[in-house]
Amino acid sequence: PVVDFHAIMSRVNREIQKNNPAATVVGPDRIHPGAPGHLVMAYAFLCAQQMPEYVSSIGIDAAAAKTTETVNCEVEQIRSVAPNGISFACREFALPFPVSEAQKPALNWVPFQQKLNREILTVKNLAAGSYNLKIDNLLVAAFSAADLDRGVNLADYPNTPQYRQALDVKEINDRRLEISKKLRTIALVRYRFLSNLETVPEDDEALSRILYAAIEKIKTTSGYSYLKKQCDDFIELRRSENDFRQQTEALFARIDQVNKPKFHQWEITPADRN
């Protein structure tokens, strides 16, 4: 099986170039797509895997104080809050995906939120008016009864406890990424410049001579500066390779600890009471 990245990236490129012929989804070098382009690629990849669209979907009938729908979540302790409010406890089985500022242009190019990041709250039979949604006693936003009747996507709101938990996971994963880049540098230099050697010198000076002799042969190519820096870094990084691998595994384990969804207390009450 394959994922057709070319089709979606070409389509997005054509669309954004209608207004600005110099715009590109694949970066100034026409290769590296940057944060927005990577989110487009992630969208295509996840759709190809037939990933579910819902983080969760919570449906509540405020008049009857009961659920009308629960998708990928569990709801408990529903009760009416006078006047015209409702509260409940809920544990969603997934976290919303935290879209960074750098990635947000992609939300205009592909329906990422609508197809893969739906954390929907729907509340029926509320009296007309404005209502505050609080989760764990933290104000998320004010919504009209009509908004809640249609359903709101809480993945668009970065101040929910669930979103903040997802940001904690992202922060750990960002640290893992930085360490993985170092391992990538080690692998790249070994493959590109040292794979034909029976033994790689342990001595830094001898290793430098080999690497820079190889680098000089491509001095006139466009990738010279990048590869030279990779070689510079390799000499320093290679001795810590095992430590980098251990750090990476530890961070994966930490992610697995932090990403567990939790029960939260939800409350929807008339805005003029808060």
Protein backbone atom coordinates (compact mmCIF):
# COMPACT_ATOMS: atom_id res chain seq x y z
CA PRO A 1 0.00 0.00 0.00
CA VAL A 2 1.09 3.56 -0.71
CA VAL A 3 -0.04 7.07 0.23
CA ASP A 4 -0.39 9.45 -2.71
CA PHE A 5 1.29 12.56 -1.32
CA HIS A 6 1.96 13.96 -4.78
CA ALA A 7 -1.71 14.45 -5.64
CA ILE A 8 -2.69 16.31 -2.48
CA MET A 9 0.47 18.44 -2.33
CA SER A 10 0.07 19.41 -6.00
CA ARG A 11 -3.60 20.26 -5.48
CA VAL A 12 -2.86 22.44 -2.45
CA ASN A 13 -0.01 24.12 -4.32
CA ARG A 14 -2.26 25.00 -7.25
CA GLU A 15 -4.94 26.41 -4.96
CA ILE A 16 -2.66 28.68 -2.94
CA GLN A 17 -0.90 29.89 -6.11
CA LYS A 18 -4.17 31.23 -7.50
CA ASN A 19 -3.80 34.23 -5.20
CA ASN A 20 0.00 34.30 -5.01
CA PRO A 21 2.01 32.62 -7.79
CA ALA A 22 5.12 32.69 -5.58
CA ALA A 23 3.45 30.75 -2.74
CA THR A 24 4.39 27.14 -2.19
CA VAL A 25 3.44 24.32 0.14
CA VAL A 26 6.82 22.65 -0.36
CA GLY A 27 9.11 25.38 0.96
CA PRO A 28 11.57 27.72 -0.76
CA ASP A 29 13.77 24.80 -1.86
CA ARG A 30 10.75 23.09 -3.46
CA ILE A 31 11.47 19.97 -1.39
CA HIS A 32 10.98 20.52 2.35
CA PRO A 33 7.37 21.41 3.14
CA GLY A 34 7.82 22.94 6.61
CA ALA A 35 5.23 22.76 9.36
CA PRO A 36 2.08 23.48 7.28
CA GLY A 37 3.07 21.12 4.49
CA HIS A 38 3.94 18.40 6.97
CA LEU A 39 0.46 18.70 8.49
CA VAL A 40 -1.03 18.29 5.00
CA MET A 41 1.08 15.15 4.57
CA ALA A 42 0.04 13.89 8.02
CA TYR A 43 -3.59 14.46 7.06
CA ALA A 44 -3.15 12.42 3.87
CA PHE A 45 -1.31 9.66 5.70
CA LEU A 46 -3.89 9.36 8.49
CA CYS A 47 -6.80 9.41 6.03
CA ALA A 48 -5.14 6.60 4.10
CA GLN A 49 -4.99 4.60 7.34
CA GLN A 50 -8.74 5.20 7.76
CA MET A 51 -8.21 6.78 11.15
CA PRO A 52 -11.42 7.72 13.00
CA GLU A 53 -12.63 11.29 12.74
CA TYR A 54 -13.59 11.59 16.40
CA VAL A 55 -11.48 12.40 19.41
CA SER A 56 -14.85 12.01 21.09
CA SER A 57 -18.48 12.98 20.69
CA ILE A 58 -20.62 13.78 23.71
CA GLY A 59 -24.36 14.25 23.27
CA ILE A 60 -26.44 15.48 26.21
CA ASP A 61 -30.17 16.08 26.60
CA ALA A 62 -30.23 18.90 29.16
CA ALA A 63 -33.96 18.61 29.84
CA ALA A 64 -33.81 14.89 30.62
CA ALA A 65 -30.30 14.97 32.16
CA LYS A 66 -29.15 12.01 30.08
CA THR A 67 -26.78 11.20 27.26
CA THR A 68 -27.98 10.98 23.68
CA GLU A 69 -24.61 9.89 22.26
CA THR A 70 -21.18 8.84 23.48
CA VAL A 71 -18.43 8.17 20.95
CA ASN A 72 -15.00 7.20 22.24
CA CYS A 73 -15.78 8.42 25.75
CA GLU A 74 -17.70 7.59 28.92
CA VAL A 75 -20.06 9.96 30.73
CA GLU A 76 -21.12 9.67 34.36
CA GLN A 77 -22.87 11.67 37.11
CA ILE A 78 -25.17 13.71 34.87
CA ARG A 79 -27.28 16.10 36.87
CA SER A 80 -29.28 19.26 36.35
CA VAL A 81 -27.86 22.51 37.71
CA ALA A 82 -30.52 25.11 38.47
CA PRO A 83 -31.49 27.11 36.63
CA ASN A 84 -31.21 25.63 33.15
CA GLY A 85 -27.74 24.09 33.52
CA ILE A 86 -26.21 20.65 33.38
CA SER A 87 -23.08 19.02 34.78
CA PHE A 88 -21.41 15.65 34.27
CA ALA A 89 -18.13 13.78 34.50
CA CYS A 90 -16.52 12.54 31.30
CA ARG A 91 -13.41 10.65 30.28
CA GLU A 92 -12.58 10.78 26.60
CA PHE A 93 -10.49 7.91 25.28
CA ALA A 94 -8.28 10.17 23.17
CA LEU A 95 -6.76 13.65 23.31
CA PRO A 96 -7.22 16.40 20.73
CA PHE A 97 -4.33 17.07 18.37
CA PRO A 98 -2.70 20.41 19.31
CA VAL A 99 -2.20 22.32 16.06
CA SER A 100 0.74 24.73 16.45
CA GLU A 101 0.77 28.30 15.14
CA ALA A 102 3.28 27.26 12.48
CA GLN A 103 0.93 24.51 11.26
CA LYS A 104 -2.27 26.57 11.19
CA PRO A 105 -2.07 27.67 7.51
CA ALA A 106 -2.70 24.02 6.63
CA LEU A 107 -6.16 24.24 8.23
CA ASN A 108 -7.15 26.44 5.27
CA TRP A 109 -5.91 23.80 2.81
CA VAL A 110 -7.28 20.52 4.19
CA PRO A 111 -10.21 19.73 6.54
CA PHE A 112 -7.96 18.38 9.29
CA GLN A 113 -10.19 19.52 12.17
CA GLN A 114 -13.37 18.30 10.52
CA LYS A 115 -12.10 14.86 9.46
CA LEU A 116 -9.50 13.89 12.08
CA ASN A 117 -9.78 16.18 15.10
CA ARG A 118 -13.44 16.24 16.08
CA GLU A 119 -14.00 16.66 19.83
CA ILE A 120 -17.71 17.37 19.66
CA LEU A 121 -19.97 18.52 22.46
CA THR A 122 -23.70 18.68 21.65
CA VAL A 123 -26.32 19.77 24.18
CA LYS A 124 -30.01 19.66 23.26
CA ASN A 125 -33.01 21.29 24.91
CA LEU A 126 -31.29 24.22 26.57
CA ALA A 127 -33.34 27.38 27.00
CA ALA A 128 -32.36 30.16 24.62
CA GLY A 129 -29.42 32.25 25.78
CA SER A 130 -25.69 32.17 26.32
CA TYR A 131 -23.98 29.45 28.34
CA ASN A 132 -20.54 29.11 29.88
CA LEU A 133 -18.74 25.83 29.50
CA LYS A 134 -16.38 25.03 32.34
CA ILE A 135 -14.18 21.96 32.58
CA ASP A 136 -12.61 21.32 35.98
CA ASN A 137 -13.97 24.75 36.95
CA LEU A 138 -11.92 26.46 34.20
CA LEU A 139 -13.87 28.59 31.75
CA VAL A 140 -13.46 27.26 28.21
CA ALA A 141 -15.81 29.60 26.32
CA ALA A 142 -19.34 30.97 26.14
CA PHE A 143 -21.66 29.36 23.61
CA SER A 144 -25.21 30.10 22.60
CA ALA A 145 -27.86 27.44 23.10
CA ALA A 146 -28.07 27.24 19.30
CA ASP A 147 -24.30 26.62 19.03
CA LEU A 148 -24.51 23.80 21.56
CA ASP A 149 -27.57 22.36 19.85
CA ARG A 150 -25.58 22.13 16.58
CA GLY A 151 -22.46 20.89 18.35
CA VAL A 152 -19.12 22.62 18.98
CA ASN A 153 -15.66 21.25 18.26
CA LEU A 154 -13.62 21.65 21.43
CA ALA A 155 -10.43 20.73 19.58
CA ASP A 156 -10.54 24.36 18.39
CA TYR A 157 -10.15 25.59 21.99
CA PRO A 158 -6.59 25.40 23.39
CA ASN A 159 -7.63 26.21 26.97
CA THR A 160 -9.38 22.91 27.78
CA PRO A 161 -7.58 20.59 30.23
CA GLN A 162 -7.54 17.93 27.50
CA TYR A 163 -5.78 20.26 25.03
CA ARG A 164 -3.29 21.30 27.69
CA GLN A 165 -2.55 17.65 28.41
CA ALA A 166 -1.99 17.13 24.68
CA LEU A 167 0.46 20.06 24.74
CA ASP A 168 2.36 18.31 27.53
CA VAL A 169 2.62 15.24 25.31
CA LYS A 170 3.76 17.42 22.40
CA GLU A 171 6.47 19.05 24.52
CA ILE A 172 7.93 15.64 25.39
CA ASN A 173 7.71 14.54 21.77
CA ASP A 174 9.45 17.74 20.64
CA ARG A 175 12.35 16.87 22.96
CA ARG A 176 12.41 13.37 21.49
CA LEU A 177 12.50 14.86 18.01
CA GLU A 178 15.55 16.98 18.82
CA ILE A 179 17.43 13.92 20.04
CA SER A 180 16.27 11.91 17.02
CA LYS A 181 17.75 14.59 14.76
CA LYS A 182 21.14 13.87 16.32
CA LEU A 183 20.74 10.16 15.63
CA ARG A 184 19.74 11.05 12.07
CA THR A 185 22.94 13.07 11.64
CA ILE A 186 25.00 10.12 12.85
CA ALA A 187 23.23 7.74 10.47
CA LEU A 188 23.45 10.16 7.52
CA VAL A 189 27.20 10.72 7.79
CA ARG A 190 27.92 7.03 8.28
CA TYR A 191 25.86 6.10 5.23
CA ARG A 192 27.01 8.94 2.98
CA PHE A 193 30.72 9.10 3.78
CA LEU A 194 31.86 6.13 5.86
CA SER A 195 29.95 3.08 4.60
CA ASN A 196 32.81 1.97 2.37
CA LEU A 197 35.32 1.79 5.26
CA GLU A 198 36.08 -1.49 6.99
CA THR A 199 36.73 0.38 10.24
CA VAL A 200 35.90 3.93 11.25
CA PRO A 201 38.76 5.70 13.10
CA GLU A 202 38.11 6.44 16.75
CA ASP A 203 40.59 9.30 16.68
CA ASP A 204 38.85 12.60 15.91
CA GLU A 205 41.71 13.99 13.85
CA ALA A 206 41.97 10.91 11.63
CA LEU A 207 38.19 10.84 11.20
CA SER A 208 38.14 14.53 10.29
CA ARG A 209 40.71 14.00 7.55
CA ILE A 210 38.57 11.27 5.97
CA LEU A 211 35.35 13.25 6.20
CA TYR A 212 36.70 16.55 4.93
CA ALA A 213 38.50 14.86 2.05
CA ALA A 214 35.13 13.43 1.01
CA ILE A 215 33.36 16.75 1.54
CA GLU A 216 35.86 18.62 -0.65
CA LYS A 217 34.81 16.47 -3.59
CA ILE A 218 31.30 17.96 -3.48
CA LYS A 219 32.30 21.52 -2.61
CA THR A 220 30.62 22.98 -5.70
CA THR A 221 27.26 21.26 -5.10
CA SER A 222 24.22 22.91 -3.51
CA GLY A 223 24.23 20.58 -0.49
CA TYR A 224 27.83 21.25 0.48
CA SER A 225 27.20 23.60 3.43
CA TYR A 226 24.55 21.35 4.93
CA LEU A 227 26.65 18.19 4.62
CA LYS A 228 29.75 19.90 5.98
CA LYS A 229 27.82 20.89 9.10
CA GLN A 230 26.53 17.34 9.43
CA CYS A 231 30.11 16.10 9.38
CA ASP A 232 31.17 18.73 11.94
CA ASP A 233 28.34 17.61 14.22
CA PHE A 234 29.00 13.92 13.65
CA ILE A 235 32.49 14.11 15.11
CA GLU A 236 31.05 15.49 18.35
CA LEU A 237 27.82 13.46 18.49
CA ARG A 238 28.99 9.94 17.61
CA ARG A 239 30.37 9.14 21.07
CA SER A 240 26.96 9.81 22.64
CA GLU A 241 24.93 7.63 20.27
CA ASN A 242 23.97 5.02 22.87
CA ASP A 243 23.01 7.73 25.32
CA PHE A 244 20.80 9.39 22.68
CA ARG A 245 19.05 6.07 22.05
CA GLN A 246 18.43 5.58 25.76
CA GLN A 247 17.07 9.11 26.07
CA THR A 248 14.75 8.50 23.14
CA GLU A 249 13.37 5.31 24.68
CA ALA A 250 12.90 7.08 28.02
CA LEU A 251 10.96 9.89 26.35
CA PHE A 252 8.74 7.40 24.49
CA ALA A 253 7.99 5.79 27.87
CA ARG A 254 7.27 9.22 29.36
CA ILE A 255 4.85 10.00 26.53
CA ASP A 256 3.02 6.76 27.29
CA GLN A 257 2.64 7.88 30.91
CA VAL A 258 1.49 11.43 30.18
CA ASN A 259 -0.93 10.76 27.32
CA LYS A 260 -3.52 8.80 29.34
CA PRO A 261 -6.92 10.56 29.17
CA LYS A 262 -8.51 11.45 32.52
CA PHE A 263 -11.96 12.07 33.96
CA HIS A 264 -12.91 15.75 33.98
CA GLN A 265 -15.85 17.57 35.51
CA TRP A 266 -17.93 19.47 32.97
CA GLU A 267 -20.48 22.19 33.73
CA ILE A 268 -22.72 24.16 31.38
CA THR A 269 -24.59 27.01 33.04
CA PRO A 270 -26.21 30.29 31.94
CA ALA A 271 -23.52 32.89 31.33
CA ASP A 272 -25.23 35.50 33.50
CA ARG A 273 -24.76 33.24 36.55
CA ASN A 274 -20.94 33.03 36.24
